[in-house]
Amino acid sequence: MPEQAVVRATLFSDPGCPWAYSARPALARLKWRFGDQIEWRLVLIGLSENTDRYSARGFTPATQAAGWARFQRRFGMPFALLVKPRLAPTTRACRAIIAAREIDAGLGESALLALQLLQFSTAGLLDDDYDLRAALTRVPGVDAESVVASIDDPEIVALYDADKALARAAEGTPIHVQDRHSTSDGPVRFTAPSVIFEHRDGRRVDVGGFQPFESYDNALANLDPSLERRAAPADPLEALAEFPDGLTTAEVASVMRPSDLAEEDRADAARQLLSLTPEGAVVCEPAGADAVWRLGRTGA
């Protein structure tokens, strides 16, 4: 654990999970508040090796799209209103993220975002190497060709199997007791986006499945009350400076909540962000029904 980190947070995620994607605003607020006091570790669940289980339940690209529309209305992350050509398993995408993670932990997080956007805001497929390369090409520092070419390398497959095994070791944990686990493929596994917080003194708190920001914040307050808690940023530029991969409108609104008693104001966040685009302070990249915002030339 880095010297400045007090807590290690293990995040169980998967690029095909709409719950994990919809948790990004809460996780962005958490990362803003505690900064480098938390060291993040990304574990890929590997939700599906094939689509047989989903097809057997009558799940189709059309029902998938209808479900995603509900996620957008409820949580605000950008989803595209479209029907994909077919369902796709997440194995190859998870391995691609692991390959990027092995280069650098930060690149793993960047690759996860890129493939979440591929899944939820485009017609691209998580098992199509062409689509994976196209999405990862947009991630600075990632050689998309070599990352995708390494998906079937024995070393990457072994790391993927290790992640899957760790994700399926939830039996007897608080997440199991709370019924926030899954047994979709047999073993008791952590659901996305479960987070395990481990203090450097050995104490641990589990936060299972999809949760509001307050659940994470409360866990950390009980784990270590001495953690420094940064106030909300003064403006969107200050927020975006901390997130070089960019933030969606919902994430910006979450980070900018003036207090934990205030609601997210996505409309106001969008107005502020749009006002900064003509002068080049902010770059707007359309995504689904919304956008990803990054610092522009004059905002850095």
Protein backbone atom coordinates (compact mmCIF):
# COMPACT_ATOMS: atom_id res chain seq x y z
CA MET A 1 0.00 0.00 0.00
CA PRO A 2 1.42 3.46 -0.87
CA GLU A 3 2.68 5.43 2.12
CA GLN A 4 -0.06 8.06 1.90
CA ALA A 5 -2.85 5.46 1.66
CA VAL A 6 -4.61 4.46 4.86
CA VAL A 7 -7.27 2.22 3.33
CA ARG A 8 -7.22 -0.24 0.44
CA ALA A 9 -10.53 -0.43 -1.44
CA THR A 10 -11.10 -3.57 -3.51
CA LEU A 11 -13.76 -2.87 -6.12
CA PHE A 12 -15.47 -5.86 -7.76
CA SER A 13 -16.73 -4.81 -11.16
CA ASP A 14 -17.51 -5.91 -14.70
CA PRO A 15 -17.89 -3.83 -17.86
CA GLY A 16 -21.19 -5.54 -18.65
CA CYS A 17 -22.94 -4.69 -15.36
CA PRO A 18 -25.33 -1.70 -15.50
CA TRP A 19 -25.31 -1.49 -11.69
CA ALA A 20 -21.53 -1.05 -11.63
CA TYR A 21 -21.78 1.59 -14.36
CA SER A 22 -24.58 3.41 -12.52
CA ALA A 23 -22.49 3.50 -9.33
CA ARG A 24 -19.84 5.69 -10.95
CA PRO A 25 -21.28 8.99 -9.59
CA ALA A 26 -21.11 7.73 -5.99
CA LEU A 27 -17.63 6.31 -6.49
CA ALA A 28 -16.43 9.55 -8.11
CA ARG A 29 -17.64 11.52 -5.07
CA LEU A 30 -15.87 9.03 -2.82
CA LYS A 31 -12.60 9.36 -4.74
CA TRP A 32 -12.85 13.16 -4.68
CA ARG A 33 -13.51 13.27 -0.95
CA PHE A 34 -10.70 10.96 0.18
CA GLY A 35 -8.18 11.20 -2.66
CA ASP A 36 -4.95 9.25 -2.23
CA GLN A 37 -5.82 8.20 1.31
CA ILE A 38 -7.54 5.28 -0.44
CA GLU A 39 -5.66 2.88 -2.70
CA TRP A 40 -8.02 1.32 -5.22
CA ARG A 41 -7.73 -2.25 -6.44
CA LEU A 42 -9.90 -3.38 -9.36
CA VAL A 43 -11.07 -7.02 -9.51
CA LEU A 44 -12.95 -8.21 -12.61
CA ILE A 45 -15.87 -10.51 -11.88
CA GLY A 46 -16.26 -12.17 -15.27
CA LEU A 47 -20.04 -12.16 -15.32
CA SER A 48 -20.46 -14.41 -18.32
CA GLU A 49 -18.37 -16.78 -20.43
CA ASN A 50 -21.28 -17.10 -22.86
CA THR A 51 -24.86 -15.86 -23.13
CA ASP A 52 -26.68 -19.18 -22.67
CA ARG A 53 -27.87 -18.33 -19.14
CA TYR A 54 -29.41 -15.04 -20.28
CA SER A 55 -31.04 -16.52 -23.36
CA ALA A 56 -32.57 -19.30 -21.26
CA ARG A 57 -34.26 -16.65 -19.12
CA GLY A 58 -35.74 -14.99 -22.21
CA PHE A 59 -33.30 -12.10 -22.11
CA THR A 60 -32.83 -10.40 -25.51
CA PRO A 61 -31.09 -7.30 -26.86
CA ALA A 62 -34.49 -5.56 -26.83
CA THR A 63 -35.21 -6.35 -23.17
CA GLN A 64 -31.65 -5.31 -22.37
CA ALA A 65 -32.18 -1.92 -24.00
CA ALA A 66 -35.48 -1.40 -22.16
CA GLY A 67 -33.79 -2.18 -18.85
CA TRP A 68 -30.97 0.22 -19.54
CA ALA A 69 -33.45 3.03 -20.22
CA ARG A 70 -34.76 2.55 -16.68
CA PHE A 71 -31.22 2.72 -15.30
CA GLN A 72 -30.65 6.04 -17.04
CA ARG A 73 -33.88 7.56 -15.75
CA ARG A 74 -33.12 6.41 -12.22
CA PHE A 75 -29.40 7.09 -11.88
CA GLY A 76 -28.43 9.48 -14.68
CA MET A 77 -25.49 7.74 -16.35
CA PRO A 78 -25.59 7.90 -20.17
CA PHE A 79 -27.14 4.94 -21.95
CA ALA A 80 -27.87 4.80 -25.66
CA LEU A 81 -31.42 4.08 -26.74
CA LEU A 82 -30.58 1.29 -29.16
CA VAL A 83 -30.84 -2.46 -29.60
CA LYS A 84 -27.53 -4.25 -30.01
CA PRO A 85 -27.21 -6.88 -32.75
CA ARG A 86 -26.90 -9.65 -30.14
CA LEU A 87 -26.04 -10.36 -26.53
CA ALA A 88 -22.34 -10.66 -25.69
CA PRO A 89 -20.41 -12.27 -22.82
CA THR A 90 -17.90 -10.18 -20.89
CA THR A 91 -14.89 -12.53 -20.72
CA ARG A 92 -12.77 -10.93 -23.44
CA ALA A 93 -13.49 -7.41 -22.20
CA CYS A 94 -12.53 -8.36 -18.64
CA ARG A 95 -9.25 -9.84 -19.86
CA ALA A 96 -8.53 -6.69 -21.88
CA ILE A 97 -9.02 -4.58 -18.75
CA ILE A 98 -6.72 -6.90 -16.80
CA ALA A 99 -4.06 -6.58 -19.53
CA ALA A 100 -4.25 -2.78 -19.18
CA ARG A 101 -4.26 -3.06 -15.39
CA GLU A 102 -1.03 -5.07 -15.54
CA ILE A 103 0.67 -2.16 -17.29
CA ASP A 104 -0.58 0.26 -14.63
CA ALA A 105 -3.45 0.15 -12.13
CA GLY A 106 -4.71 3.50 -13.38
CA LEU A 107 -4.85 2.23 -16.94
CA GLY A 108 -7.03 -0.63 -15.75
CA GLU A 109 -9.53 1.87 -14.38
CA SER A 110 -9.36 3.88 -17.61
CA ALA A 111 -9.93 0.75 -19.67
CA LEU A 112 -12.93 -0.17 -17.52
CA LEU A 113 -14.55 3.20 -18.23
CA ALA A 114 -13.82 2.92 -21.95
CA LEU A 115 -15.45 -0.51 -22.16
CA GLN A 116 -18.40 0.52 -20.01
CA LEU A 117 -19.02 3.34 -22.47
CA LEU A 118 -18.68 0.83 -25.32
CA GLN A 119 -21.25 -1.41 -23.70
CA PHE A 120 -23.82 1.13 -22.60
CA SER A 121 -23.59 4.00 -25.09
CA THR A 122 -22.80 2.31 -28.43
CA ALA A 123 -23.87 -0.67 -30.53
CA GLY A 124 -20.44 -2.24 -29.94
CA LEU A 125 -20.00 -5.69 -28.42
CA LEU A 126 -17.78 -6.70 -25.51
CA ASP A 127 -16.67 -9.91 -27.21
CA ASP A 128 -15.75 -8.31 -30.54
CA ASP A 129 -12.01 -7.62 -30.75
CA TYR A 130 -12.50 -4.88 -33.35
CA ASP A 131 -14.91 -3.04 -31.02
CA LEU A 132 -12.57 -3.54 -28.05
CA ARG A 133 -9.63 -2.09 -30.00
CA ALA A 134 -11.68 0.88 -31.16
CA ALA A 135 -12.76 1.71 -27.61
CA LEU A 136 -9.33 1.22 -26.06
CA THR A 137 -7.60 3.28 -28.75
CA ARG A 138 -9.14 6.33 -27.06
CA VAL A 139 -7.41 5.59 -23.74
CA PRO A 140 -4.12 7.52 -23.43
CA GLY A 141 -1.24 5.25 -22.50
CA VAL A 142 -2.91 2.07 -23.73
CA ASP A 143 -1.63 0.27 -26.82
CA ALA A 144 -4.99 -1.09 -27.90
CA GLU A 145 -3.51 -3.48 -30.46
CA SER A 146 -1.19 -5.16 -27.98
CA VAL A 147 -3.75 -5.21 -25.17
CA VAL A 148 -6.38 -6.93 -27.31
CA ALA A 149 -3.77 -9.26 -28.80
CA SER A 150 -2.87 -10.41 -25.27
CA ILE A 151 -6.41 -11.38 -24.27
CA ASP A 152 -5.71 -15.10 -24.79
CA ASP A 153 -2.16 -15.08 -23.42
CA PRO A 154 -1.77 -17.69 -20.65
CA GLU A 155 -0.60 -15.03 -18.18
CA ILE A 156 -3.69 -12.87 -18.74
CA VAL A 157 -5.99 -15.90 -18.62
CA ALA A 158 -4.41 -16.95 -15.29
CA LEU A 159 -4.90 -13.46 -13.84
CA TYR A 160 -8.50 -13.46 -15.04
CA ASP A 161 -9.11 -16.85 -13.40
CA ALA A 162 -7.61 -15.50 -10.17
CA ASP A 163 -9.94 -12.48 -10.28
CA LYS A 164 -12.91 -14.75 -10.89
CA ALA A 165 -11.96 -16.97 -7.97
CA LEU A 166 -11.60 -13.97 -5.63
CA ALA A 167 -14.97 -12.63 -6.78
CA ARG A 168 -16.52 -16.02 -5.96
CA ALA A 169 -15.24 -16.15 -2.39
CA ALA A 170 -18.10 -14.26 -0.75
CA GLU A 171 -19.57 -17.13 1.22
CA GLY A 172 -19.95 -16.22 4.90
CA THR A 173 -19.09 -12.54 4.39
CA PRO A 174 -21.38 -9.67 5.44
CA ILE A 175 -22.33 -9.33 1.77
CA HIS A 176 -23.58 -12.92 1.86
CA VAL A 177 -25.52 -12.35 5.09
CA GLN A 178 -27.17 -9.22 3.64
CA ASP A 179 -28.23 -11.14 0.51
CA ARG A 180 -26.25 -8.79 -1.70
CA HIS A 181 -24.41 -11.70 -3.29
CA SER A 182 -25.18 -13.83 -6.33
CA THR A 183 -24.98 -17.53 -7.15
CA SER A 184 -25.70 -17.04 -10.84
CA ASP A 185 -22.93 -19.43 -11.89
CA GLY A 186 -22.68 -21.57 -8.77
CA PRO A 187 -20.39 -20.20 -6.02
CA VAL A 188 -21.40 -17.35 -3.73
CA ARG A 189 -19.89 -14.31 -5.41
CA PHE A 190 -19.58 -10.62 -4.84
CA THR A 191 -21.96 -8.60 -6.99
CA ALA A 192 -20.83 -5.48 -8.81
CA PRO A 193 -19.98 -2.94 -7.54
CA SER A 194 -19.16 -4.43 -4.13
CA VAL A 195 -16.31 -2.71 -2.29
CA ILE A 196 -14.16 -4.14 0.50
CA PHE A 197 -12.42 -1.48 2.60
CA GLU A 198 -9.33 -2.74 4.43
CA HIS A 199 -7.53 -0.49 6.91
CA ARG A 200 -3.77 -0.79 7.11
CA ASP A 201 -4.20 -1.98 10.69
CA GLY A 202 -6.06 -5.05 9.42
CA ARG A 203 -9.68 -4.05 10.06
CA ARG A 204 -12.19 -4.51 7.24
CA VAL A 205 -15.65 -3.31 6.23
CA ASP A 206 -17.63 -4.78 3.32
CA VAL A 207 -20.13 -2.73 1.31
CA GLY A 208 -22.07 -5.10 -0.92
CA GLY A 209 -23.54 -4.51 -4.35
CA PHE A 210 -25.04 -1.23 -5.52
CA GLN A 211 -25.12 1.34 -2.73
CA PRO A 212 -25.64 5.09 -2.35
CA PHE A 213 -22.62 7.25 -1.60
CA GLU A 214 -23.59 7.47 2.06
CA SER A 215 -23.01 3.73 2.57
CA TYR A 216 -19.39 4.04 1.48
CA ASP A 217 -18.90 7.24 3.45
CA ASN A 218 -20.39 5.74 6.60
CA ALA A 219 -18.17 2.65 6.28
CA LEU A 220 -15.05 4.79 6.05
CA ALA A 221 -16.12 7.06 8.91
CA ASN A 222 -16.40 4.01 11.15
CA LEU A 223 -13.21 2.43 9.83
CA ASP A 224 -11.09 5.54 10.46
CA PRO A 225 -12.63 8.81 11.74
CA SER A 226 -9.29 10.57 11.25
CA LEU A 227 -9.45 10.40 7.43
CA GLU A 228 -9.35 13.88 5.90
CA ARG A 229 -12.57 14.77 4.10
CA ARG A 230 -12.22 17.23 1.22
CA ALA A 231 -15.04 19.69 0.61
CA ALA A 232 -16.86 19.80 -2.71
CA PRO A 233 -15.05 21.56 -5.58
CA ALA A 234 -15.79 25.19 -6.27
CA ASP A 235 -16.57 24.60 -9.94
CA PRO A 236 -16.60 21.86 -12.59
CA LEU A 237 -13.06 22.69 -13.74
CA GLU A 238 -11.70 21.85 -10.29
CA ALA A 239 -13.56 18.55 -10.37
CA LEU A 240 -12.44 17.60 -13.89
CA ALA A 241 -8.81 18.33 -13.04
CA GLU A 242 -8.88 15.33 -10.68
CA PHE A 243 -10.34 12.95 -13.29
CA PRO A 244 -8.28 12.94 -16.50
CA ASP A 245 -10.44 10.17 -17.99
CA GLY A 246 -13.38 12.56 -17.80
CA LEU A 247 -16.69 12.57 -15.97
CA THR A 248 -20.27 12.23 -17.10
CA THR A 249 -22.77 14.91 -16.12
CA ALA A 250 -24.10 12.68 -13.35
CA GLU A 251 -20.60 12.20 -11.96
CA VAL A 252 -19.86 15.93 -12.02
CA ALA A 253 -23.15 16.62 -10.25
CA SER A 254 -22.35 14.02 -7.61
CA VAL A 255 -18.86 15.36 -6.94
CA MET A 256 -20.20 18.92 -6.72
CA ARG A 257 -22.95 18.27 -4.15
CA PRO A 258 -22.26 21.05 -1.60
CA SER A 259 -23.16 18.75 1.28
CA ASP A 260 -24.34 15.19 1.81
CA LEU A 261 -27.81 16.57 2.56
CA ALA A 262 -28.06 18.22 -0.86
CA GLU A 263 -29.40 16.37 -3.89
CA GLU A 264 -27.43 16.02 -7.09
CA ASP A 265 -28.37 18.74 -9.59
CA ARG A 266 -27.56 17.26 -12.98
CA ALA A 267 -29.32 20.05 -14.86
CA ASP A 268 -27.24 22.74 -13.16
CA ALA A 269 -24.05 20.74 -13.69
CA ALA A 270 -24.86 20.47 -17.41
CA ARG A 271 -25.51 24.21 -17.65
CA GLN A 272 -22.19 25.02 -16.00
CA LEU A 273 -20.30 22.56 -18.20
CA LEU A 274 -21.92 23.77 -21.41
CA SER A 275 -21.07 27.38 -20.53
CA LEU A 276 -17.39 26.41 -20.40
CA THR A 277 -17.24 24.69 -23.80
CA PRO A 278 -17.20 27.75 -26.15
CA GLU A 279 -13.99 29.07 -24.60
CA GLY A 280 -12.32 25.66 -24.79
CA ALA A 281 -12.10 25.13 -21.03
CA VAL A 282 -14.14 21.93 -21.31
CA VAL A 283 -14.44 19.34 -24.06
CA CYS A 284 -17.80 17.64 -24.50
CA GLU A 285 -17.76 14.12 -25.91
CA PRO A 286 -21.30 12.87 -26.64
CA ALA A 287 -22.10 9.50 -25.06
CA GLY A 288 -25.50 7.89 -25.34
CA ALA A 289 -28.10 10.41 -24.24
CA ASP A 290 -25.54 12.51 -22.40
CA ALA A 291 -21.79 13.19 -22.52
CA VAL A 292 -18.36 12.69 -21.02
CA TRP A 293 -16.65 15.96 -20.06
CA ARG A 294 -12.90 16.54 -19.96
CA LEU A 295 -10.68 19.55 -19.41
CA GLY A 296 -9.93 21.45 -22.58
CA ARG A 297 -6.87 23.45 -23.61
CA THR A 298 -7.79 26.55 -21.64
CA GLY A 299 -9.17 24.73 -18.60
CA ALA A 300 -6.01 22.89 -17.65
